[in-house]
Amino acid sequence: MTGAPTRVFIARLAGIAVFDPAGDQVGRVRDIVVALRLGPRPPRVLGLVVEVVRRRPVFLPITRVTVIEADAIIFDGRLNMRRFEQRASETLVIAEMLDRTVRLRESGERVMVVDVAMEPTRTRDWLLSKVAVRRTGGRGRGLRRRGESLVVDWDAVQGFSAVEHGQGAAGLIAAFERMKPADLANIVHELPEKRRTEVAMALDDERLADVLEELPEDDQIEILGKLEADRAADVLEAMGPDDAADLLGELPTEQRERLLTLMEPREAAPVRRLLTYPDYSAGGLMTTDPVIVPPDATVAEALAQIRNPDLNPALAAQVYVCRPPTATPTGHYLGTVHFQRLLREPPPTLVSGIVDTELEPLRPTMSLESVAMFLATYNLVAGAVVDDNGHLLGSVTIDDVLDHLLPADWRETVMDAGAEAGGGAGTDPEEEALRGIEGTS
């Protein structure tokens, strides 16, 4: 392997780009596959799990990797597009080894794994050679400081083959810290239930809320059910009101009411309102947190609101002008100002002077099909929902319309389906030989 370093710490590979010989990026590293072996013998690295098109993981044999650098991996161009399926004899380093509690053989001291290093051998194999650990203060002989980190040889630790309950997930989360919520959700979806729960417990409320919004319904319900009730309520508060209402709507009545009661009243109120509307109506689809400004706001003030990086791009496409109060349900709805119009006007201009009053708003009772036709007719990505008394109730965005127009299991289908280009890929003899031989060792 040209350009191969003498030692690579695996957690640092998470998310780096994978390129073919022509320099085209084909995906990103998700994990490293190894085969544990009996006794202190270091595991052999079998290959990489690479996430390619449509967030689909495929297996790249380590024998096909030609260059490993700090910010890129290059392979020989041969890649079987068949979806990666982990075998019973295989272990994923990032998903399963990080955060494990193991013991130092010499002292018996309990330590936590924070990273694992691999090194090439003279025969061009790659083996796990080093383990970076952090002392936890467990029993052991000799002087030690809780929290101290050290790097030891692979054969200096034991316990990787044991099933651990209550394994942390800080290392795994750190490895994928910069991932978008949808990409992290894909990884969480494919973890074993035990590991999925551990990751959910370790994520902070905001990050977990973002991930939950991208997960299939079954995963959402499973994870929420594993959380303490108070924590579950906090996570629901961090979700968008429409997403929280969708999730709560799938729970038994008693559990739903308990969680709503534990939520802050001002956070629970819009969710309760959304739950009163049918699922496939404008009221059931809308979010109660669009961008709203009073008529005396300036263009500069409106633009400042839509610059919020946490704002859904579809919500940022429109600003709704309403008389106070500007929290939903608002005072009288005056109209919409489109993002492009804001960009064309001088910053001191009042929004009341550029509001679009000709666009009829949606009504909360309108059907999903009617909402979709409305957005398509006027080439919009969002639309205001206004009641019969002229109060703005919320906004329906195109992503929520598509979410309900697609089959109920579309998220899971995207996560589980293979890409059309490689869906018919057959058995790879080199891959089967590598993984088959290691599976028997």
Protein backbone atom coordinates (compact mmCIF):
# COMPACT_ATOMS: atom_id res chain seq x y z
CA MET A 1 0.00 0.00 0.00
CA THR A 2 1.53 3.29 -1.08
CA GLY A 3 1.20 6.24 1.25
CA ALA A 4 0.41 3.97 4.18
CA PRO A 5 1.27 5.40 7.60
CA THR A 6 2.81 3.14 10.22
CA ARG A 7 -0.15 3.58 12.57
CA VAL A 8 -3.71 4.85 12.09
CA PHE A 9 -6.11 5.65 14.93
CA ILE A 10 -9.47 4.50 13.66
CA ALA A 11 -11.84 7.00 15.30
CA ARG A 12 -10.12 9.69 13.24
CA LEU A 13 -11.13 7.94 10.02
CA ALA A 14 -14.85 8.37 10.69
CA GLY A 15 -16.44 10.52 8.02
CA ILE A 16 -13.37 11.09 5.85
CA ALA A 17 -13.82 10.94 2.09
CA VAL A 18 -13.07 7.86 -0.01
CA PHE A 19 -11.82 8.43 -3.58
CA ASP A 20 -11.28 6.23 -6.61
CA PRO A 21 -8.02 6.46 -8.64
CA ALA A 22 -9.52 9.17 -10.88
CA GLY A 23 -10.05 11.42 -7.87
CA ASP A 24 -13.84 11.09 -7.78
CA GLN A 25 -15.34 10.80 -4.32
CA VAL A 26 -17.45 7.65 -3.94
CA GLY A 27 -18.43 7.96 -0.29
CA ARG A 28 -17.26 8.39 3.29
CA VAL A 29 -15.87 6.05 5.91
CA ARG A 30 -18.42 4.91 8.43
CA ASP A 31 -16.53 2.16 10.28
CA ILE A 32 -13.77 -0.44 10.18
CA VAL A 33 -14.55 -4.18 10.13
CA VAL A 34 -12.27 -6.54 12.08
CA ALA A 35 -12.25 -10.18 13.06
CA LEU A 36 -11.50 -10.87 16.73
CA ARG A 37 -9.24 -13.85 17.32
CA LEU A 38 -8.67 -16.20 20.24
CA GLY A 39 -6.37 -15.17 23.05
CA PRO A 40 -4.22 -12.03 22.89
CA ARG A 41 -3.67 -12.27 19.14
CA PRO A 42 -4.48 -8.88 17.56
CA PRO A 43 -7.59 -8.81 15.35
CA ARG A 44 -7.12 -8.65 11.61
CA VAL A 45 -8.63 -5.70 9.76
CA LEU A 46 -10.96 -6.99 7.05
CA GLY A 47 -12.04 -3.73 5.47
CA LEU A 48 -13.96 -0.50 5.68
CA VAL A 49 -17.66 0.22 5.76
CA VAL A 50 -18.11 3.03 3.24
CA GLU A 51 -21.33 5.00 2.96
CA VAL A 52 -22.10 5.62 -0.70
CA VAL A 53 -25.14 6.95 -2.57
CA ARG A 54 -28.49 7.02 -0.75
CA ARG A 55 -26.69 6.55 2.57
CA ARG A 56 -26.06 2.91 1.81
CA PRO A 57 -23.13 1.10 3.46
CA VAL A 58 -20.92 -1.14 1.33
CA PHE A 59 -17.83 -3.18 2.18
CA LEU A 60 -14.42 -2.11 0.88
CA PRO A 61 -11.74 -4.81 1.50
CA ILE A 62 -8.63 -3.42 3.14
CA THR A 63 -6.61 -5.13 0.37
CA ARG A 64 -8.07 -2.65 -2.13
CA VAL A 65 -7.06 0.45 -0.18
CA THR A 66 -3.98 2.03 -1.71
CA VAL A 67 -3.58 5.27 0.27
CA ILE A 68 -4.60 6.35 3.76
CA GLU A 69 -4.14 10.02 4.56
CA ALA A 70 -5.41 12.32 7.29
CA ASP A 71 -8.29 13.60 5.17
CA ALA A 72 -8.75 11.01 2.42
CA ILE A 73 -8.63 7.32 1.55
CA ILE A 74 -7.94 6.14 -1.98
CA PHE A 75 -8.73 2.65 -3.27
CA ASP A 76 -8.03 0.81 -6.50
CA GLY A 77 -11.43 1.56 -8.02
CA ARG A 78 -13.02 -1.87 -7.55
CA LEU A 79 -16.04 -1.66 -5.25
CA ASN A 80 -18.86 -4.15 -4.85
CA MET A 81 -22.05 -2.09 -4.44
CA ARG A 82 -23.87 -4.84 -2.58
CA ARG A 83 -25.16 -3.61 0.76
CA PHE A 84 -22.87 -4.42 3.70
CA GLU A 85 -24.26 -6.95 6.14
CA GLN A 86 -22.26 -7.55 9.29
CA ARG A 87 -21.52 -11.19 10.03
CA ALA A 88 -21.60 -12.80 13.46
CA SER A 89 -17.82 -13.26 13.42
CA GLU A 90 -17.16 -9.59 12.65
CA THR A 91 -16.84 -6.56 14.90
CA LEU A 92 -17.23 -2.88 14.02
CA VAL A 93 -14.52 -0.84 15.70
CA ILE A 94 -16.29 2.51 16.04
CA ALA A 95 -19.80 1.21 16.71
CA GLU A 96 -18.86 -1.59 19.08
CA MET A 97 -15.36 -1.13 20.52
CA LEU A 98 -15.28 2.55 21.46
CA ASP A 99 -16.51 3.29 24.98
CA ARG A 100 -16.15 -0.33 26.07
CA THR A 101 -14.86 -1.10 29.54
CA VAL A 102 -11.92 -3.51 29.43
CA ARG A 103 -9.19 -4.57 31.87
CA LEU A 104 -5.44 -4.17 31.79
CA ARG A 105 -4.03 -7.70 31.92
CA GLU A 106 -1.17 -6.92 34.27
CA SER A 107 -3.03 -4.96 36.94
CA GLY A 108 -6.67 -5.93 36.39
CA GLU A 109 -7.57 -2.24 36.35
CA ARG A 110 -10.77 -1.30 34.54
CA VAL A 111 -10.28 1.24 31.74
CA MET A 112 -12.50 2.68 29.01
CA VAL A 113 -11.59 2.46 25.32
CA VAL A 114 -11.38 5.85 23.59
CA ASP A 115 -9.69 4.76 20.34
CA VAL A 116 -8.05 1.80 18.63
CA ALA A 117 -5.07 1.90 16.26
CA MET A 118 -4.26 -0.35 13.32
CA GLU A 119 -0.88 -0.97 11.70
CA PRO A 120 0.28 -2.73 8.52
CA THR A 121 2.42 -5.85 8.72
CA ARG A 122 5.23 -6.99 6.44
CA THR A 123 2.73 -9.21 4.64
CA ARG A 124 0.53 -6.16 3.88
CA ASP A 125 -2.11 -7.25 6.34
CA TRP A 126 -3.50 -4.71 8.79
CA LEU A 127 -3.87 -5.63 12.46
CA LEU A 128 -5.23 -3.80 15.49
CA SER A 129 -2.06 -2.99 17.40
CA LYS A 130 -2.76 -0.35 20.04
CA VAL A 131 -5.64 0.64 22.32
CA ALA A 132 -6.06 4.17 23.67
CA VAL A 133 -7.79 3.95 27.05
CA ARG A 134 -8.88 6.24 29.85
CA ARG A 135 -8.62 5.26 33.49
CA THR A 136 -11.98 5.13 35.25
CA GLY A 137 -10.76 4.66 38.81
CA GLY A 138 -11.63 0.95 38.94
CA ARG A 139 -9.74 -1.45 41.18
CA GLY A 140 -6.18 -2.28 40.28
CA ARG A 141 -2.66 -2.30 41.62
CA GLY A 142 -0.27 0.60 41.41
CA LEU A 143 -0.59 4.36 41.19
CA ARG A 144 -3.26 5.75 38.88
CA ARG A 145 -5.25 8.92 38.29
CA ARG A 146 -8.90 8.83 37.30
CA GLY A 147 -9.34 10.28 33.80
CA GLU A 148 -5.71 9.72 32.80
CA SER A 149 -5.28 8.49 29.22
CA LEU A 150 -2.68 6.09 27.92
CA VAL A 151 -1.95 3.98 24.85
CA VAL A 152 -1.19 0.30 25.38
CA ASP A 153 -0.50 -2.71 23.19
CA TRP A 154 -3.48 -4.79 22.07
CA ASP A 155 -2.33 -7.81 24.11
CA ALA A 156 -2.17 -5.64 27.25
CA VAL A 157 -5.97 -5.51 27.52
CA GLN A 158 -8.71 -8.11 27.78
CA GLY A 159 -12.51 -8.06 27.64
CA PHE A 160 -13.39 -7.12 24.07
CA SER A 161 -15.22 -10.38 23.45
CA ALA A 162 -17.50 -10.10 26.49
CA VAL A 163 -21.02 -8.70 26.23
CA GLU A 164 -21.11 -5.40 28.11
CA HIS A 165 -24.30 -3.90 29.48
CA GLY A 166 -24.43 -0.16 30.00
CA GLN A 167 -21.65 0.58 27.51
CA GLY A 168 -21.24 4.30 26.97
CA ALA A 169 -21.35 6.01 23.59
CA ALA A 170 -19.31 9.21 23.97
CA GLY A 171 -16.55 7.98 21.68
CA LEU A 172 -18.92 6.86 18.94
CA ILE A 173 -20.78 10.17 19.09
CA ALA A 174 -17.53 12.14 18.98
CA ALA A 175 -16.44 10.20 15.90
CA PHE A 176 -19.56 11.33 14.04
CA GLU A 177 -19.93 14.72 15.70
CA ARG A 178 -19.96 16.70 12.44
CA MET A 179 -22.52 14.52 10.70
CA LYS A 180 -25.87 15.91 9.68
CA PRO A 181 -28.79 14.57 11.74
CA ALA A 182 -30.13 12.52 8.82
CA ASP A 183 -26.77 10.80 8.34
CA LEU A 184 -26.34 10.09 12.05
CA ALA A 185 -29.91 8.76 12.11
CA ASN A 186 -28.96 6.29 9.39
CA ILE A 187 -26.12 4.98 11.55
CA VAL A 188 -28.30 4.82 14.66
CA HIS A 189 -30.97 2.93 12.70
CA GLU A 190 -28.52 0.18 11.78
CA LEU A 191 -27.03 -0.30 15.25
CA PRO A 192 -28.16 -3.25 17.38
CA GLU A 193 -30.98 -2.29 19.77
CA LYS A 194 -28.64 -2.32 22.79
CA ARG A 195 -26.14 0.02 21.13
CA ARG A 196 -28.90 2.21 19.71
CA THR A 197 -30.21 2.78 23.23
CA GLU A 198 -26.73 3.60 24.55
CA VAL A 199 -26.22 6.19 21.83
CA ALA A 200 -29.60 7.76 22.54
CA MET A 201 -28.75 8.00 26.24
CA ALA A 202 -25.43 9.72 25.47
CA LEU A 203 -26.72 12.31 22.97
CA ASP A 204 -27.77 15.67 24.37
CA ASP A 205 -31.45 16.61 24.11
CA GLU A 206 -31.09 18.86 21.07
CA ARG A 207 -29.01 16.39 19.06
CA LEU A 208 -31.27 13.47 19.99
CA ALA A 209 -34.32 15.50 18.98
CA ASP A 210 -32.76 16.22 15.57
CA VAL A 211 -31.92 12.54 15.08
CA LEU A 212 -35.36 11.34 16.17
CA GLU A 213 -36.99 13.57 13.56
CA GLU A 214 -35.05 11.67 10.86
CA LEU A 215 -35.67 8.13 12.12
CA PRO A 216 -38.41 5.71 11.07
CA GLU A 217 -41.45 5.64 13.32
CA ASP A 218 -40.60 2.29 14.94
CA ASP A 219 -37.14 3.53 15.95
CA GLN A 220 -38.61 6.75 17.35
CA ILE A 221 -41.08 4.88 19.54
CA GLU A 222 -38.43 2.38 20.69
CA ILE A 223 -35.93 5.07 21.70
CA LEU A 224 -38.48 7.32 23.37
CA GLY A 225 -39.72 4.33 25.37
CA LYS A 226 -36.21 3.64 26.69
CA LEU A 227 -35.81 7.18 28.08
CA GLU A 228 -36.86 8.24 31.55
CA ALA A 229 -40.16 10.09 31.32
CA ASP A 230 -38.65 13.47 32.30
CA ARG A 231 -35.88 13.09 29.70
CA ALA A 232 -38.39 12.02 27.06
CA ALA A 233 -40.41 15.17 27.75
CA ASP A 234 -37.27 17.33 27.43
CA VAL A 235 -36.44 15.74 24.07
CA LEU A 236 -39.99 16.29 22.82
CA GLU A 237 -39.68 19.95 23.79
CA ALA A 238 -36.51 20.18 21.67
CA MET A 239 -38.27 18.71 18.63
CA GLY A 240 -40.32 20.79 16.24
CA PRO A 241 -43.94 20.93 17.46
CA ASP A 242 -45.18 19.15 14.33
CA ASP A 243 -42.62 16.34 14.67
CA ALA A 244 -43.36 15.99 18.38
CA ALA A 245 -47.09 15.81 17.64
CA ASP A 246 -46.54 13.16 14.97
CA LEU A 247 -44.53 11.03 17.41
CA LEU A 248 -46.92 11.49 20.33
CA GLY A 249 -49.83 10.65 18.06
CA GLU A 250 -48.40 7.13 17.66
CA LEU A 251 -48.24 6.48 21.42
CA PRO A 252 -50.94 5.04 23.66
CA THR A 253 -53.23 7.73 25.07
CA GLU A 254 -52.03 7.29 28.66
CA GLN A 255 -48.34 7.56 27.75
CA ARG A 256 -49.00 10.53 25.44
CA GLU A 257 -50.87 12.45 28.13
CA ARG A 258 -48.21 11.74 30.74
CA LEU A 259 -45.46 13.12 28.51
CA LEU A 260 -47.50 16.19 27.59
CA THR A 261 -48.07 16.85 31.29
CA LEU A 262 -44.32 16.65 31.96
CA MET A 263 -43.52 19.12 29.17
CA GLU A 264 -43.35 22.83 29.90
CA PRO A 265 -46.90 24.23 29.41
CA ARG A 266 -45.79 26.73 26.76
CA GLU A 267 -44.03 23.94 24.85
CA ALA A 268 -46.90 21.49 25.22
CA ALA A 269 -49.63 23.93 24.18
CA PRO A 270 -48.84 24.03 20.42
CA VAL A 271 -48.33 20.27 20.38
CA ARG A 272 -51.76 19.76 21.96
CA ARG A 273 -53.30 22.04 19.32
CA LEU A 274 -51.69 20.07 16.52
CA LEU A 275 -52.98 16.81 17.95
CA THR A 276 -56.57 18.04 17.55
CA TYR A 277 -56.28 18.06 13.75
CA PRO A 278 -56.48 15.00 11.48
CA ASP A 279 -53.06 13.71 10.40
CA TYR A 280 -53.65 14.38 6.70
CA SER A 281 -54.97 17.92 6.98
CA ALA A 282 -53.21 21.28 6.77
CA GLY A 283 -53.67 21.65 10.53
CA GLY A 284 -52.10 18.26 11.17
CA LEU A 285 -49.20 18.97 8.81
CA MET A 286 -48.29 22.47 9.93
CA THR A 287 -45.58 23.67 12.26
CA THR A 288 -46.53 26.34 14.78
CA ASP A 289 -43.13 28.08 14.66
CA PRO A 290 -42.88 29.91 11.31
CA VAL A 291 -41.10 33.25 10.94
CA ILE A 292 -43.56 35.97 12.01
CA VAL A 293 -42.98 39.72 12.20
CA PRO A 294 -45.27 42.69 13.00
CA PRO A 295 -46.16 45.17 10.22
CA ASP A 296 -43.75 47.80 11.55
CA ALA A 297 -40.74 45.47 11.26
CA THR A 298 -38.09 46.39 8.70
CA VAL A 299 -36.62 44.25 5.94
CA ALA A 300 -33.37 44.15 7.92
CA GLU A 301 -35.20 42.73 10.96
CA ALA A 302 -36.97 40.10 8.86
CA LEU A 303 -33.71 39.04 7.22
CA ALA A 304 -32.08 38.76 10.63
CA GLN A 305 -34.73 36.23 11.67
CA ILE A 306 -34.36 34.02 8.62
CA ARG A 307 -30.58 33.97 8.98
CA ASN A 308 -31.03 31.68 11.99
CA PRO A 309 -28.93 28.59 11.06
CA ASP A 310 -31.28 26.31 13.01
CA LEU A 311 -34.23 27.34 10.86
CA ASN A 312 -35.60 24.86 8.34
CA PRO A 313 -34.72 26.21 4.83
CA ALA A 314 -38.37 25.86 3.76
CA LEU A 315 -39.53 27.94 6.73
CA ALA A 316 -36.87 30.54 5.95
CA ALA A 317 -38.31 31.05 2.46
CA GLN A 318 -41.25 33.11 3.74
CA VAL A 319 -41.98 35.66 6.44
CA TYR A 320 -45.53 36.09 7.67
CA VAL A 321 -46.73 39.56 8.66
CA CYS A 322 -49.27 39.62 11.48
CA ARG A 323 -50.60 42.09 14.00
CA PRO A 324 -49.55 41.35 17.60
CA PRO A 325 -49.37 38.92 19.21
CA THR A 326 -46.83 37.37 16.88
CA ALA A 327 -46.87 33.94 18.53
CA THR A 328 -49.33 31.47 17.04
CA PRO A 329 -52.25 31.80 17.04
CA THR A 330 -51.40 35.37 16.12
CA GLY A 331 -53.30 38.57 15.73
CA HIS A 332 -54.80 39.35 12.34
CA TYR A 333 -52.81 37.83 9.46
CA LEU A 334 -51.84 40.51 6.88
CA GLY A 335 -49.94 38.48 4.31
CA THR A 336 -46.66 36.93 3.24
CA VAL A 337 -43.30 38.41 2.27
CA HIS A 338 -41.19 36.11 0.14
CA PHE A 339 -37.48 35.74 0.78
CA GLN A 340 -36.50 36.94 -2.69
CA ARG A 341 -38.55 40.11 -2.25
CA LEU A 342 -36.71 40.84 0.99
CA LEU A 343 -33.39 40.60 -0.86
CA ARG A 344 -34.51 43.19 -3.42
CA GLU A 345 -35.59 45.86 -0.95
CA PRO A 346 -33.51 48.39 1.05
CA PRO A 347 -32.95 47.26 4.67
CA PRO A 348 -34.99 50.15 6.23
CA THR A 349 -38.12 49.30 4.21
CA LEU A 350 -41.14 48.30 6.30
CA VAL A 351 -42.42 44.79 5.55
CA SER A 352 -46.00 46.10 5.58
CA GLY A 353 -45.22 47.93 2.34
CA ILE A 354 -44.08 44.84 0.43
CA VAL A 355 -46.44 42.18 1.77
CA ASP A 356 -48.16 39.83 -0.71
CA THR A 357 -51.88 40.12 0.07
CA GLU A 358 -53.13 38.35 -3.05
CA LEU A 359 -52.00 34.85 -2.07
CA GLU A 360 -54.89 33.09 -0.33
CA PRO A 361 -53.79 31.22 2.81
CA LEU A 362 -54.44 27.58 3.57
CA ARG A 363 -57.25 26.57 5.90
CA PRO A 364 -56.53 24.05 8.69
CA THR A 365 -59.19 21.64 7.41
CA MET A 366 -57.77 21.41 3.88
CA SER A 367 -56.73 17.90 2.81
CA LEU A 368 -53.17 16.78 2.10
CA GLU A 369 -53.93 16.65 -1.62
CA SER A 370 -55.30 20.20 -1.59
CA VAL A 371 -52.23 21.46 0.23
CA ALA A 372 -49.93 19.73 -2.25
CA MET A 373 -51.83 21.23 -5.21
CA PHE A 374 -51.69 24.69 -3.60
CA LEU A 375 -47.90 24.55 -3.21
CA ALA A 376 -47.46 23.16 -6.72
CA THR A 377 -49.77 25.75 -8.30
CA TYR A 378 -47.93 28.73 -6.84
CA ASN A 379 -44.41 27.18 -6.88
CA LEU A 380 -44.09 27.52 -3.12
CA VAL A 381 -42.11 25.59 -0.52
CA ALA A 382 -44.36 26.71 2.34
CA GLY A 383 -47.81 28.14 2.91
CA ALA A 384 -49.54 30.01 5.74
CA VAL A 385 -52.38 28.27 7.61
CA VAL A 386 -55.03 30.75 8.78
CA ASP A 387 -58.30 30.10 10.63
CA ASP A 388 -61.72 31.54 9.81
CA ASN A 389 -61.10 34.51 12.12
CA GLY A 390 -57.94 35.56 10.29
CA HIS A 391 -55.41 34.30 12.86
CA LEU A 392 -52.21 32.65 11.62
CA LEU A 393 -52.01 29.15 13.11
CA GLY A 394 -48.81 27.96 11.49
CA SER A 395 -47.17 27.03 8.22
CA VAL A 396 -47.06 23.88 6.12
CA THR A 397 -43.69 23.20 4.46
CA ILE A 398 -43.01 21.06 1.44
CA ASP A 399 -40.92 18.54 3.42
CA ASP A 400 -43.89 17.70 5.63
CA VAL A 401 -46.14 17.35 2.60
CA LEU A 402 -43.69 14.94 0.97
CA ASP A 403 -43.29 13.06 4.25
CA HIS A 404 -47.03 12.31 4.24
CA LEU A 405 -47.38 11.73 0.49
CA LEU A 406 -44.67 9.08 0.48
CA PRO A 407 -45.36 5.60 1.90
CA ALA A 408 -45.44 5.43 5.69
CA ASP A 409 -42.18 3.47 5.80
CA TRP A 410 -40.28 5.63 3.31
CA ARG A 411 -37.53 6.58 5.76
CA GLU A 412 -36.81 2.95 6.54
CA THR A 413 -36.97 2.10 2.84
CA VAL A 414 -34.35 4.75 2.04
CA MET A 415 -32.14 3.48 4.85
CA ASP A 416 -32.49 -0.17 3.89
CA ALA A 417 -32.70 -0.07 0.10
CA GLY A 418 -29.68 -0.55 -2.13
CA ALA A 419 -28.80 1.94 -4.82
CA GLU A 420 -30.21 1.06 -8.24
CA ALA A 421 -26.77 1.22 -9.81
CA GLY A 422 -25.39 -1.53 -7.62
CA GLY A 423 -28.49 -3.39 -6.56
CA GLY A 424 -27.66 -6.38 -8.73
CA ALA A 425 -24.03 -6.72 -7.71
CA GLY A 426 -23.13 -10.32 -7.16
CA THR A 427 -20.72 -12.11 -4.91
CA ASP A 428 -17.22 -10.67 -4.75
CA PRO A 429 -14.73 -13.60 -4.61
CA GLU A 430 -11.98 -11.52 -2.98
CA GLU A 431 -14.34 -10.17 -0.36
CA GLU A 432 -15.80 -13.60 0.36
CA ALA A 433 -12.34 -15.14 0.67
CA LEU A 434 -11.13 -12.41 3.04
CA ARG A 435 -14.21 -12.41 5.25
CA GLY A 436 -14.77 -16.15 5.05
CA ILE A 437 -11.24 -17.06 6.13
CA GLU A 438 -11.30 -14.62 9.01
CA GLY A 439 -14.73 -15.81 10.08
CA THR A 440 -13.27 -19.23 10.86
CA SER A 441 -10.26 -18.06 12.83
